[in-house]
Amino acid sequence: MSRLRINRPARDWIELLPSESPPPAGAGSSAAGGPARLPRVVPAWLVAAALLLACAACAAATSWWQHRSRVIEVTSRVRPSYSAGPDAAGCPILLRCRVIADPSQPLATAARRLFPDATVLSSLSVVESGSGRTVQTTIVLRAPSGLEVSASAQCVPGAGPITGRAASLPATGPAQADFVVAGAPGCSVAVSAQIPRAAPVPLARLRQLARDPQAQLNP
């Protein structure tokens, strides 16, 4: 009888335990009968390494932002500088000019004298609006043989000396001539020509036009 009193409380305790639910349909026998999986423990050194990497990334981002802010502040204070060269119309930077048809310039007169049978395609002058001084003059001519000559005289205030240039040419075309004769600092006369095939190269006349001292503009 004493055995029955001891076993009865034990039997009651066993009945209070939750019964295991059956495995879900389709689950393997190993999942139903295998041991329960314990939660994975992350090592402390791995957590510390992740924290160090996050701190380093924050520090790098802060340093980059501060450097970017300094660069923007410096560049915003840079003032633009203007060269003394002419713009696309031939007017020197920071000056106001007007373009006029002017076949009476010495350069145009010399070109028509050296190539009397040529047709004048263009003859223009760039004049400073304030002083009326000519800063550039150009003329373009075309001869019956197909020869095309372009000459320009230019004088830019404040510009440095101009380097001269001369090209060696054959006796007949096709060829391209290119001459630059320097005058006063910032002033020069440039002459170029397109010589078609089998046409004679007027080397002497091209050189004479480029070297004409009357064609140079005054600074």
Protein backbone atom coordinates (compact mmCIF):
# COMPACT_ATOMS: atom_id res chain seq x y z
CA MET A 1 0.00 0.00 0.00
CA SER A 2 2.85 2.37 0.66
CA ARG A 3 4.01 1.94 -2.95
CA LEU A 4 0.65 3.11 -4.23
CA ARG A 5 0.88 6.34 -2.24
CA ILE A 6 4.33 7.10 -3.58
CA ASN A 7 3.54 6.42 -7.20
CA ARG A 8 0.26 8.32 -7.30
CA PRO A 9 1.76 11.81 -6.91
CA ALA A 10 4.41 10.93 -9.48
CA ARG A 11 1.74 9.82 -11.91
CA ASP A 12 -0.19 13.02 -11.37
CA TRP A 13 3.00 15.13 -12.10
CA ILE A 14 3.63 13.26 -15.32
CA GLU A 15 0.09 13.96 -16.52
CA LEU A 16 0.57 17.71 -16.01
CA LEU A 17 3.47 17.88 -18.50
CA PRO A 18 2.51 19.18 -21.98
CA SER A 19 2.33 16.48 -24.52
CA GLU A 20 4.56 16.76 -27.57
CA SER A 21 2.73 17.92 -30.65
CA PRO A 22 2.95 15.66 -33.65
CA PRO A 23 5.41 16.64 -36.36
CA PRO A 24 4.01 18.67 -39.24
CA ALA A 25 2.94 16.89 -42.36
CA GLY A 26 5.78 16.25 -44.76
CA ALA A 27 8.50 16.72 -42.17
CA GLY A 28 11.33 14.21 -42.16
CA SER A 29 11.72 11.61 -39.49
CA SER A 30 15.04 13.09 -38.42
CA ALA A 31 13.38 16.43 -37.54
CA ALA A 32 10.73 14.72 -35.44
CA GLY A 33 13.03 12.43 -33.61
CA GLY A 34 16.16 14.64 -33.47
CA PRO A 35 17.26 16.69 -30.45
CA ALA A 36 15.99 20.27 -29.98
CA ARG A 37 18.30 23.00 -31.38
CA LEU A 38 19.75 25.48 -28.89
CA PRO A 39 20.07 29.23 -29.79
CA ARG A 40 23.44 30.10 -31.34
CA VAL A 41 25.74 32.13 -29.09
CA VAL A 42 27.76 34.95 -30.82
CA PRO A 43 31.32 35.19 -29.48
CA ALA A 44 32.18 38.36 -27.61
CA TRP A 45 35.21 39.11 -29.78
CA LEU A 46 33.00 39.14 -32.89
CA VAL A 47 30.68 41.71 -31.33
CA ALA A 48 33.66 43.86 -30.32
CA ALA A 49 35.09 43.70 -33.85
CA ALA A 50 31.76 44.80 -35.34
CA LEU A 51 31.59 47.76 -32.95
CA LEU A 52 35.15 48.79 -33.85
CA LEU A 53 34.37 48.65 -37.57
CA ALA A 54 31.24 50.76 -37.10
CA CYS A 55 33.18 53.37 -35.11
CA ALA A 56 35.91 53.50 -37.79
CA ALA A 57 33.31 53.99 -40.53
CA CYS A 58 31.66 56.84 -38.61
CA ALA A 59 35.04 58.52 -38.06
CA ALA A 60 35.95 58.22 -41.75
CA ALA A 61 32.61 59.68 -42.84
CA THR A 62 32.99 62.60 -40.44
CA SER A 63 36.53 63.32 -41.65
CA TRP A 64 35.43 63.21 -45.32
CA TRP A 65 32.54 65.62 -44.67
CA GLN A 66 34.78 68.09 -42.85
CA HIS A 67 37.36 67.96 -45.68
CA ARG A 68 34.62 68.45 -48.29
CA SER A 69 33.30 71.46 -46.44
CA ARG A 70 36.77 73.03 -46.33
CA VAL A 71 37.30 72.44 -50.07
CA ILE A 72 33.98 74.04 -50.97
CA GLU A 73 34.76 77.05 -48.81
CA VAL A 74 38.16 77.57 -50.44
CA THR A 75 36.98 77.20 -54.01
CA SER A 76 34.09 79.56 -53.49
CA ARG A 77 36.53 82.35 -52.67
CA VAL A 78 38.61 81.97 -55.85
CA ARG A 79 38.13 84.97 -58.13
CA PRO A 80 38.06 84.45 -61.92
CA SER A 81 41.02 85.79 -63.85
CA TYR A 82 40.72 87.12 -67.39
CA SER A 83 43.43 86.94 -69.98
CA ALA A 84 44.22 89.81 -72.32
CA GLY A 85 43.41 87.75 -75.42
CA PRO A 86 40.50 88.49 -77.75
CA ASP A 87 37.14 86.77 -77.73
CA ALA A 88 35.58 84.96 -80.68
CA ALA A 89 34.69 88.27 -82.38
CA GLY A 90 38.24 89.62 -82.03
CA CYS A 91 37.47 92.05 -79.20
CA PRO A 92 39.91 91.99 -76.24
CA ILE A 93 38.50 90.68 -72.98
CA LEU A 94 36.88 93.32 -70.71
CA LEU A 95 36.43 95.74 -73.64
CA ARG A 96 33.34 96.60 -75.65
CA CYS A 97 33.70 96.56 -79.43
CA ARG A 98 31.71 96.85 -82.60
CA VAL A 99 32.31 95.12 -85.93
CA ILE A 100 32.09 97.22 -89.11
CA ALA A 101 32.72 96.71 -92.81
CA ASP A 102 35.94 98.58 -93.48
CA PRO A 103 37.75 98.02 -96.80
CA SER A 104 39.89 101.14 -96.29
CA GLN A 105 42.30 99.64 -93.77
CA PRO A 106 45.97 99.49 -94.90
CA LEU A 107 45.91 95.69 -94.75
CA ALA A 108 42.90 95.51 -97.07
CA THR A 109 44.45 98.06 -99.42
CA ALA A 110 47.72 96.10 -99.60
CA ALA A 111 45.90 92.81 -100.22
CA ARG A 112 43.86 94.21 -103.09
CA ARG A 113 47.01 95.74 -104.61
CA LEU A 114 48.92 92.43 -104.48
CA PHE A 115 45.98 90.37 -105.80
CA PRO A 116 44.18 92.73 -108.18
CA ASP A 117 42.23 89.98 -109.98
CA ALA A 118 40.83 88.54 -106.72
CA THR A 119 37.30 89.08 -105.44
CA VAL A 120 36.93 90.47 -101.91
CA LEU A 121 34.72 88.06 -99.97
CA SER A 122 34.93 89.87 -96.64
CA SER A 123 36.62 92.97 -95.21
CA LEU A 124 35.83 93.75 -91.57
CA SER A 125 37.28 95.72 -88.67
CA VAL A 126 36.74 95.33 -84.93
CA VAL A 127 36.69 98.77 -83.29
CA GLU A 128 36.78 99.52 -79.57
CA SER A 129 33.57 101.35 -78.67
CA GLY A 130 35.09 103.76 -76.17
CA SER A 131 38.17 105.01 -78.00
CA GLY A 132 37.29 104.12 -81.60
CA ARG A 133 40.65 102.38 -81.98
CA THR A 134 40.85 99.42 -84.37
CA VAL A 135 41.95 96.27 -82.55
CA GLN A 136 41.55 93.84 -85.46
CA THR A 137 41.04 93.99 -89.21
CA THR A 138 40.57 91.08 -91.62
CA ILE A 139 40.18 90.57 -95.36
CA VAL A 140 39.41 87.42 -97.36
CA LEU A 141 39.98 87.24 -101.13
CA ARG A 142 39.44 84.60 -103.79
CA ALA A 143 41.32 84.54 -107.12
CA PRO A 144 39.99 83.07 -110.39
CA SER A 145 42.51 80.21 -110.09
CA GLY A 146 40.83 79.07 -106.86
CA LEU A 147 43.48 80.61 -104.61
CA GLU A 148 41.95 81.88 -101.36
CA VAL A 149 43.88 84.37 -99.21
CA SER A 150 42.96 85.39 -95.67
CA ALA A 151 44.88 88.14 -93.87
CA SER A 152 44.37 89.71 -90.44
CA ALA A 153 46.09 92.36 -88.37
CA GLN A 154 45.51 92.40 -84.64
CA CYS A 155 46.74 94.35 -81.63
CA VAL A 156 45.67 93.32 -78.09
CA PRO A 157 46.44 95.79 -75.27
CA GLY A 158 48.49 94.23 -72.49
CA ALA A 159 49.40 91.09 -74.42
CA GLY A 160 52.96 89.81 -74.66
CA PRO A 161 55.22 89.52 -77.71
CA ILE A 162 53.96 87.43 -80.63
CA THR A 163 56.08 84.63 -82.07
CA GLY A 164 56.55 84.81 -85.84
CA ARG A 165 55.87 81.87 -88.09
CA ALA A 166 56.70 81.01 -91.69
CA ALA A 167 56.00 77.93 -93.80
CA SER A 168 58.07 76.40 -96.57
CA LEU A 169 55.94 75.94 -99.67
CA PRO A 170 56.24 74.03 -102.94
CA ALA A 171 56.11 75.76 -106.33
CA THR A 172 52.58 74.55 -107.10
CA GLY A 173 49.57 73.39 -105.15
CA PRO A 174 47.96 71.80 -103.43
CA ALA A 175 49.45 73.61 -100.45
CA GLN A 176 48.55 75.68 -97.43
CA ALA A 177 50.51 78.81 -96.54
CA ASP A 178 50.74 80.20 -93.03
CA PHE A 179 52.74 83.32 -92.10
CA VAL A 180 52.80 85.38 -88.89
CA VAL A 181 54.89 88.55 -88.57
CA ALA A 182 55.16 90.16 -85.15
CA GLY A 183 54.90 93.88 -84.60
CA ALA A 184 54.75 95.73 -81.29
CA PRO A 185 54.01 93.61 -78.16
CA GLY A 186 50.59 92.07 -78.61
CA CYS A 187 50.42 93.05 -82.30
CA SER A 188 50.91 90.92 -85.42
CA VAL A 189 49.89 90.32 -89.02
CA ALA A 190 48.84 86.82 -90.05
CA VAL A 191 48.43 85.66 -93.65
CA SER A 192 47.16 82.25 -94.73
CA ALA A 193 46.32 80.87 -98.15
CA GLN A 194 44.77 77.77 -99.66
CA ILE A 195 46.42 76.91 -102.99
CA PRO A 196 44.48 74.44 -105.15
CA ARG A 197 46.05 71.62 -107.14
CA ALA A 198 48.34 72.65 -110.01
CA ALA A 199 47.96 76.36 -109.17
CA PRO A 200 51.19 78.36 -108.77
CA VAL A 201 52.07 79.35 -105.20
CA PRO A 202 52.36 83.17 -104.90
CA LEU A 203 55.04 82.93 -102.23
CA ALA A 204 56.57 86.37 -102.83
CA ARG A 205 53.23 88.19 -102.68
CA LEU A 206 52.15 86.35 -99.53
CA ARG A 207 55.40 87.23 -97.77
CA GLN A 208 55.14 90.85 -98.90
CA LEU A 209 51.62 91.14 -97.52
CA ALA A 210 52.63 89.63 -94.17
CA ARG A 211 55.74 91.82 -93.86
CA ASP A 212 54.12 95.10 -94.89
CA PRO A 213 54.83 97.50 -91.97
CA GLN A 214 51.80 99.63 -92.95
CA ALA A 215 49.51 96.66 -92.29
CA GLN A 216 50.48 96.51 -88.61
CA LEU A 217 48.02 98.11 -86.17
CA ASN A 218 49.18 100.58 -83.56
CA PRO A 219 49.10 99.38 -79.93
